[in-house]
Amino acid sequence: MSLPIWIYFVIAGIAISAFMAVKTSREDRMLEQEWIEKEGEEYIERMEEEKEKRKQAKEVS
């Protein structure tokens, strides 16, 4: 049984679409992870600064 050529194009399009969806999803996850790490570092820095401010305030009192 021979299939029309357009069927092959549809199957190829589905395969390419699936590959691109997986690739984009992986890139988005990596970007999101980088953003989360950056935000976490900023939070830790703010906490350390606040800790130093409190420590200095106690020393002055």
C-alpha atoms as a PDB file:
ATOM      1  CA  MET A   1       0.000   0.000   0.000  1.00  0.00           C
ATOM      2  CA  SER A   2       1.462   3.303  -1.090  1.00  0.00           C
ATOM      3  CA  LEU A   3       0.709   6.446   0.869  1.00  0.00           C
ATOM      4  CA  PRO A   4       0.359   9.870  -0.737  1.00  0.00           C
ATOM      5  CA  ILE A   5       3.412  12.108  -0.414  1.00  0.00           C
ATOM      6  CA  TRP A   6       1.520  14.676   1.677  1.00  0.00           C
ATOM      7  CA  ILE A   7       1.101  12.073   4.440  1.00  0.00           C
ATOM      8  CA  TYR A   8       4.902  11.902   4.774  1.00  0.00           C
ATOM      9  CA  PHE A   9       5.048  15.687   5.010  1.00  0.00           C
ATOM     10  CA  VAL A  10       2.405  15.681   7.752  1.00  0.00           C
ATOM     11  CA  ILE A  11       4.296  13.029   9.724  1.00  0.00           C
ATOM     12  CA  ALA A  12       7.570  14.955   9.305  1.00  0.00           C
ATOM     13  CA  GLY A  13       5.832  18.154  10.449  1.00  0.00           C
ATOM     14  CA  ILE A  14       4.510  16.434  13.560  1.00  0.00           C
ATOM     15  CA  ALA A  15       7.963  15.051  14.377  1.00  0.00           C
ATOM     16  CA  ILE A  16       9.639  18.457  13.904  1.00  0.00           C
ATOM     17  CA  SER A  17       6.940  20.133  15.989  1.00  0.00           C
ATOM     18  CA  ALA A  18       7.420  17.634  18.815  1.00  0.00           C
ATOM     19  CA  PHE A  19      11.201  18.113  18.723  1.00  0.00           C
ATOM     20  CA  MET A  20      10.854  21.906  18.862  1.00  0.00           C
ATOM     21  CA  ALA A  21       8.367  21.684  21.743  1.00  0.00           C
ATOM     22  CA  VAL A  22      10.780  19.552  23.781  1.00  0.00           C
ATOM     23  CA  LYS A  23      13.718  21.824  22.935  1.00  0.00           C
ATOM     24  CA  THR A  24      11.801  24.988  23.890  1.00  0.00           C
ATOM     25  CA  SER A  25      10.559  23.423  27.102  1.00  0.00           C
ATOM     26  CA  ARG A  26      14.096  22.470  28.123  1.00  0.00           C
ATOM     27  CA  GLU A  27      15.389  25.995  27.385  1.00  0.00           C
ATOM     28  CA  ASP A  28      12.547  27.563  29.378  1.00  0.00           C
ATOM     29  CA  ARG A  29      13.299  25.312  32.354  1.00  0.00           C
ATOM     30  CA  MET A  30      16.971  26.269  32.261  1.00  0.00           C
ATOM     31  CA  LEU A  31      16.161  29.984  32.095  1.00  0.00           C
ATOM     32  CA  GLU A  32      13.691  29.652  34.942  1.00  0.00           C
ATOM     33  CA  GLN A  33      16.251  27.792  37.056  1.00  0.00           C
ATOM     34  CA  GLU A  34      18.840  30.514  36.438  1.00  0.00           C
ATOM     35  CA  TRP A  35      16.295  33.177  37.435  1.00  0.00           C
ATOM     36  CA  ILE A  36      15.386  31.289  40.625  1.00  0.00           C
ATOM     37  CA  GLU A  37      19.053  30.937  41.568  1.00  0.00           C
ATOM     38  CA  LYS A  38      19.671  34.648  40.957  1.00  0.00           C
ATOM     39  CA  GLU A  39      16.669  35.652  43.051  1.00  0.00           C
ATOM     40  CA  GLY A  40      17.782  33.286  45.824  1.00  0.00           C
ATOM     41  CA  GLU A  41      21.244  34.815  45.894  1.00  0.00           C
ATOM     42  CA  GLU A  42      19.750  38.321  46.099  1.00  0.00           C
ATOM     43  CA  TYR A  43      17.500  37.207  48.965  1.00  0.00           C
ATOM     44  CA  ILE A  44      20.438  35.724  50.866  1.00  0.00           C
ATOM     45  CA  GLU A  45      22.445  38.925  50.349  1.00  0.00           C
ATOM     46  CA  ARG A  46      19.567  41.018  51.729  1.00  0.00           C
ATOM     47  CA  MET A  47      19.259  38.711  54.730  1.00  0.00           C
ATOM     48  CA  GLU A  48      22.998  39.014  55.437  1.00  0.00           C
ATOM     49  CA  GLU A  49      22.838  42.815  55.136  1.00  0.00           C
ATOM     50  CA  GLU A  50      19.898  42.916  57.550  1.00  0.00           C
ATOM     51  CA  LYS A  51      21.798  40.664  59.945  1.00  0.00           C
ATOM     52  CA  GLU A  52      24.791  43.032  59.844  1.00  0.00           C
ATOM     53  CA  LYS A  53      22.546  46.059  60.432  1.00  0.00           C
ATOM     54  CA  ARG A  54      21.002  44.394  63.484  1.00  0.00           C
ATOM     55  CA  LYS A  55      24.439  43.381  64.758  1.00  0.00           C
ATOM     56  CA  GLN A  56      25.700  46.973  64.395  1.00  0.00           C
ATOM     57  CA  ALA A  57      22.571  48.351  66.053  1.00  0.00           C
ATOM     58  CA  LYS A  58      23.130  46.063  69.062  1.00  0.00           C
ATOM     59  CA  GLU A  59      26.771  47.147  69.328  1.00  0.00           C
ATOM     60  CA  VAL A  60      25.790  50.841  69.326  1.00  0.00           C
ATOM     61  CA  SER A  61      23.143  50.387  72.024  1.00  0.00           C
END
